[in-house]
Amino acid sequence: MIAALAVAALKYLQAVIKAQSNSSLVPTRGAWGTALLKLRLLLAHPLQPTRFWNGLCGGMSVLDALLVAIWCSLTILYLYFEIMRAFAHIASK
């Protein structure tokens, strides 16, 4: 969900920058446009080993790996709190 919000914010910023650049006579990218472009290129970069990921799941980018890491960390965090709640319930008996 956080990643989706981040992507939506990046798309919004990109649209704002594009609208501002269309209104000027000289087309310039600006600092935000350059930063967003570099961020998008970084997140779209394929992870190594490329042939392994292509064979396993059709390719994996940095953004895909980041989303999988966030999902795994949230799952581990949820399980930790559930186990601690269960142990506290057992200890209170």
N, C-alpha and C. Protein backbone atom coordinates (compact mmCIF):
# COMPACT_ATOMS: atom_id res chain seq x y z
N MET A 1 0.82 -1.18 0.00
CA MET A 1 0.00 0.00 0.00
C MET A 1 0.87 1.25 0.00
N ILE A 2 1.94 1.23 0.80
CA ILE A 2 2.85 2.37 0.85
C ILE A 2 3.53 2.55 -0.49
N ALA A 3 3.91 1.44 -1.10
CA ALA A 3 4.57 1.51 -2.40
C ALA A 3 3.62 2.06 -3.45
N ALA A 4 2.35 1.67 -3.38
CA ALA A 4 1.37 2.19 -4.33
C ALA A 4 1.19 3.70 -4.16
N LEU A 5 1.17 4.15 -2.92
CA LEU A 5 1.06 5.58 -2.66
C LEU A 5 2.30 6.32 -3.17
N ALA A 6 3.46 5.72 -2.99
CA ALA A 6 4.69 6.34 -3.48
C ALA A 6 4.69 6.44 -5.00
N VAL A 7 4.23 5.38 -5.66
CA VAL A 7 4.17 5.41 -7.12
C VAL A 7 3.16 6.46 -7.59
N ALA A 8 2.02 6.55 -6.90
CA ALA A 8 1.03 7.56 -7.26
C ALA A 8 1.58 8.97 -7.07
N ALA A 9 2.33 9.17 -5.99
CA ALA A 9 2.93 10.49 -5.75
C ALA A 9 3.96 10.82 -6.82
N LEU A 10 4.75 9.83 -7.23
CA LEU A 10 5.74 10.06 -8.28
C LEU A 10 5.05 10.38 -9.61
N LYS A 11 3.96 9.67 -9.91
CA LYS A 11 3.23 9.95 -11.14
C LYS A 11 2.63 11.35 -11.10
N TYR A 12 2.10 11.77 -9.94
CA TYR A 12 1.54 13.10 -9.80
C TYR A 12 2.61 14.17 -10.00
N LEU A 13 3.76 13.97 -9.36
CA LEU A 13 4.85 14.93 -9.53
C LEU A 13 5.32 14.98 -10.97
N GLN A 14 5.35 13.85 -11.62
CA GLN A 14 5.77 13.82 -13.01
C GLN A 14 4.77 14.59 -13.88
N ALA A 15 3.47 14.44 -13.61
CA ALA A 15 2.46 15.16 -14.38
C ALA A 15 2.55 16.66 -14.14
N VAL A 16 2.80 17.06 -12.89
CA VAL A 16 2.93 18.48 -12.58
C VAL A 16 4.13 19.07 -13.28
N ILE A 17 5.25 18.36 -13.23
CA ILE A 17 6.46 18.85 -13.88
C ILE A 17 6.26 18.91 -15.40
N LYS A 18 5.57 17.92 -15.95
CA LYS A 18 5.33 17.92 -17.39
C LYS A 18 4.42 19.09 -17.78
N ALA A 19 3.41 19.38 -16.97
CA ALA A 19 2.52 20.50 -17.26
C ALA A 19 3.28 21.82 -17.17
N GLN A 20 4.18 21.94 -16.19
CA GLN A 20 4.96 23.16 -16.07
C GLN A 20 5.93 23.32 -17.22
N SER A 21 6.51 22.23 -17.67
CA SER A 21 7.47 22.32 -18.77
C SER A 21 6.76 22.60 -20.09
N ASN A 22 5.51 22.16 -20.23
CA ASN A 22 4.76 22.45 -21.45
C ASN A 22 4.37 23.92 -21.54
N SER A 23 4.20 24.57 -20.38
CA SER A 23 3.78 25.96 -20.40
C SER A 23 4.93 26.92 -20.70
N SER A 24 6.17 26.49 -20.53
CA SER A 24 7.30 27.37 -20.80
C SER A 24 7.71 27.27 -22.27
N LEU A 25 8.39 28.30 -22.74
CA LEU A 25 8.81 28.32 -24.14
C LEU A 25 10.01 27.42 -24.38
N VAL A 26 10.90 27.33 -23.41
CA VAL A 26 12.09 26.50 -23.54
C VAL A 26 11.84 25.20 -22.76
N PRO A 27 11.81 24.06 -23.46
CA PRO A 27 11.55 22.81 -22.74
C PRO A 27 12.76 22.40 -21.89
N THR A 28 12.61 22.45 -20.59
CA THR A 28 13.66 22.01 -19.68
C THR A 28 13.08 20.97 -18.75
N ARG A 29 13.93 20.11 -18.27
CA ARG A 29 13.48 19.05 -17.39
C ARG A 29 13.41 19.52 -15.95
N GLY A 30 14.33 20.31 -15.52
CA GLY A 30 14.34 20.80 -14.16
C GLY A 30 14.94 19.78 -13.21
N ALA A 31 15.15 20.23 -11.98
CA ALA A 31 15.78 19.36 -10.98
C ALA A 31 14.86 18.21 -10.58
N TRP A 32 13.56 18.49 -10.40
CA TRP A 32 12.65 17.42 -10.00
C TRP A 32 12.47 16.40 -11.12
N GLY A 33 12.39 16.86 -12.33
CA GLY A 33 12.24 15.94 -13.45
C GLY A 33 13.45 15.03 -13.61
N THR A 34 14.62 15.59 -13.42
CA THR A 34 15.84 14.79 -13.50
C THR A 34 15.90 13.77 -12.36
N ALA A 35 15.52 14.21 -11.16
CA ALA A 35 15.54 13.30 -10.01
C ALA A 35 14.51 12.18 -10.19
N LEU A 36 13.31 12.53 -10.68
CA LEU A 36 12.30 11.50 -10.90
C LEU A 36 12.71 10.53 -12.00
N LEU A 37 13.34 11.05 -13.02
CA LEU A 37 13.82 10.18 -14.10
C LEU A 37 14.87 9.21 -13.58
N LYS A 38 15.81 9.71 -12.79
CA LYS A 38 16.84 8.83 -12.23
C LYS A 38 16.23 7.80 -11.29
N LEU A 39 15.24 8.20 -10.49
CA LEU A 39 14.57 7.26 -9.58
C LEU A 39 13.82 6.19 -10.36
N ARG A 40 13.11 6.59 -11.40
CA ARG A 40 12.38 5.61 -12.21
C ARG A 40 13.33 4.65 -12.89
N LEU A 41 14.45 5.15 -13.40
CA LEU A 41 15.43 4.27 -14.04
C LEU A 41 16.06 3.32 -13.03
N LEU A 42 16.32 3.82 -11.82
CA LEU A 42 16.89 2.96 -10.79
C LEU A 42 15.91 1.86 -10.40
N LEU A 43 14.64 2.20 -10.21
CA LEU A 43 13.65 1.21 -9.80
C LEU A 43 13.33 0.22 -10.91
N ALA A 44 13.53 0.60 -12.16
CA ALA A 44 13.25 -0.30 -13.28
C ALA A 44 14.45 -1.15 -13.67
N HIS A 45 15.60 -0.92 -13.04
CA HIS A 45 16.82 -1.66 -13.37
C HIS A 45 16.65 -3.13 -13.01
N PRO A 46 16.97 -4.05 -13.92
CA PRO A 46 16.83 -5.48 -13.61
C PRO A 46 17.89 -5.95 -12.62
N LEU A 47 17.46 -6.84 -11.75
CA LEU A 47 18.38 -7.39 -10.75
C LEU A 47 19.24 -8.49 -11.35
N GLN A 48 20.42 -8.64 -10.80
CA GLN A 48 21.34 -9.69 -11.21
C GLN A 48 21.08 -10.92 -10.36
N PRO A 49 21.23 -12.11 -10.75
CA PRO A 49 21.53 -12.59 -12.09
C PRO A 49 20.27 -12.54 -12.96
N THR A 50 20.36 -11.85 -14.06
CA THR A 50 19.21 -11.58 -14.91
C THR A 50 18.60 -12.85 -15.50
N ARG A 51 19.44 -13.77 -15.95
CA ARG A 51 18.91 -15.00 -16.55
C ARG A 51 18.17 -15.85 -15.52
N PHE A 52 18.64 -15.85 -14.28
CA PHE A 52 17.96 -16.60 -13.22
C PHE A 52 16.56 -16.05 -13.00
N TRP A 53 16.45 -14.71 -12.85
CA TRP A 53 15.14 -14.11 -12.60
C TRP A 53 14.24 -14.22 -13.81
N ASN A 54 14.78 -14.13 -15.02
CA ASN A 54 13.96 -14.31 -16.22
C ASN A 54 13.39 -15.71 -16.28
N GLY A 55 14.20 -16.70 -15.93
CA GLY A 55 13.72 -18.08 -15.95
C GLY A 55 12.75 -18.39 -14.82
N LEU A 56 12.95 -17.76 -13.68
CA LEU A 56 12.13 -18.06 -12.52
C LEU A 56 10.78 -17.35 -12.57
N CYS A 57 10.79 -16.05 -12.83
CA CYS A 57 9.53 -15.29 -12.74
C CYS A 57 9.36 -14.27 -13.85
N GLY A 58 10.10 -14.38 -14.92
CA GLY A 58 9.94 -13.44 -16.01
C GLY A 58 10.68 -12.13 -15.81
N GLY A 59 11.61 -12.09 -14.90
CA GLY A 59 12.39 -10.88 -14.65
C GLY A 59 11.99 -10.20 -13.35
N MET A 60 12.96 -9.57 -12.70
CA MET A 60 12.69 -8.87 -11.45
C MET A 60 13.48 -7.56 -11.44
N SER A 61 12.77 -6.48 -11.16
CA SER A 61 13.42 -5.18 -11.09
C SER A 61 13.69 -4.84 -9.63
N VAL A 62 14.35 -3.71 -9.42
CA VAL A 62 14.64 -3.25 -8.06
C VAL A 62 13.34 -2.97 -7.32
N LEU A 63 12.35 -2.39 -8.01
CA LEU A 63 11.05 -2.11 -7.39
C LEU A 63 10.36 -3.40 -6.97
N ASP A 64 10.42 -4.43 -7.81
CA ASP A 64 9.82 -5.72 -7.46
C ASP A 64 10.48 -6.29 -6.20
N ALA A 65 11.80 -6.24 -6.14
CA ALA A 65 12.51 -6.76 -4.97
C ALA A 65 12.18 -5.95 -3.72
N LEU A 66 12.04 -4.64 -3.88
CA LEU A 66 11.68 -3.79 -2.74
C LEU A 66 10.29 -4.14 -2.23
N LEU A 67 9.34 -4.36 -3.13
CA LEU A 67 7.99 -4.73 -2.72
C LEU A 67 7.96 -6.09 -2.03
N VAL A 68 8.72 -7.05 -2.54
CA VAL A 68 8.79 -8.37 -1.90
C VAL A 68 9.42 -8.26 -0.52
N ALA A 69 10.46 -7.44 -0.37
CA ALA A 69 11.10 -7.27 0.94
C ALA A 69 10.14 -6.61 1.93
N ILE A 70 9.38 -5.62 1.48
CA ILE A 70 8.41 -4.97 2.37
C ILE A 70 7.32 -5.96 2.78
N TRP A 71 6.84 -6.74 1.82
CA TRP A 71 5.81 -7.74 2.12
C TRP A 71 6.31 -8.77 3.13
N CYS A 72 7.53 -9.27 2.93
CA CYS A 72 8.09 -10.25 3.86
C CYS A 72 8.31 -9.65 5.24
N SER A 73 8.80 -8.43 5.31
CA SER A 73 9.03 -7.81 6.62
C SER A 73 7.72 -7.56 7.36
N LEU A 74 6.67 -7.15 6.65
CA LEU A 74 5.38 -6.95 7.30
C LEU A 74 4.78 -8.28 7.77
N THR A 75 4.98 -9.33 7.00
CA THR A 75 4.50 -10.65 7.41
C THR A 75 5.23 -11.13 8.66
N ILE A 76 6.54 -10.97 8.70
CA ILE A 76 7.32 -11.37 9.87
C ILE A 76 6.92 -10.55 11.09
N LEU A 77 6.71 -9.25 10.90
CA LEU A 77 6.28 -8.39 12.00
C LEU A 77 4.92 -8.81 12.52
N TYR A 78 3.99 -9.13 11.63
CA TYR A 78 2.67 -9.59 12.05
C TYR A 78 2.77 -10.89 12.84
N LEU A 79 3.54 -11.84 12.32
CA LEU A 79 3.69 -13.12 13.03
C LEU A 79 4.34 -12.94 14.39
N TYR A 80 5.31 -12.05 14.49
CA TYR A 80 5.97 -11.80 15.77
C TYR A 80 4.96 -11.30 16.80
N PHE A 81 4.14 -10.32 16.43
CA PHE A 81 3.18 -9.79 17.38
C PHE A 81 2.09 -10.80 17.73
N GLU A 82 1.69 -11.62 16.78
CA GLU A 82 0.70 -12.65 17.07
C GLU A 82 1.26 -13.71 18.02
N ILE A 83 2.51 -14.10 17.82
CA ILE A 83 3.13 -15.09 18.70
C ILE A 83 3.32 -14.50 20.10
N MET A 84 3.74 -13.25 20.19
CA MET A 84 3.90 -12.61 21.51
C MET A 84 2.55 -12.48 22.22
N ARG A 85 1.50 -12.21 21.48
CA ARG A 85 0.16 -12.11 22.07
C ARG A 85 -0.30 -13.47 22.57
N ALA A 86 0.00 -14.53 21.80
CA ALA A 86 -0.37 -15.87 22.22
C ALA A 86 0.42 -16.29 23.47
N PHE A 87 1.71 -15.97 23.53
CA PHE A 87 2.49 -16.31 24.71
C PHE A 87 2.01 -15.53 25.93
N ALA A 88 1.63 -14.29 25.74
CA ALA A 88 1.12 -13.49 26.87
C ALA A 88 -0.20 -14.06 27.36
N HIS A 89 -1.02 -14.57 26.43
CA HIS A 89 -2.28 -15.17 26.81
C HIS A 89 -2.05 -16.46 27.59
N ILE A 90 -1.09 -17.26 27.15
CA ILE A 90 -0.76 -18.52 27.86
C ILE A 90 -0.17 -18.23 29.22
N ALA A 91 0.67 -17.22 29.32
CA ALA A 91 1.32 -16.89 30.60
C ALA A 91 0.34 -16.33 31.61
N SER A 92 -0.74 -15.71 31.14
CA SER A 92 -1.71 -15.13 32.07
C SER A 92 -2.63 -16.16 32.66
N LYS A 93 -2.66 -17.38 32.15
CA LYS A 93 -3.54 -18.44 32.69
C LYS A 93 -2.98 -19.06 33.92
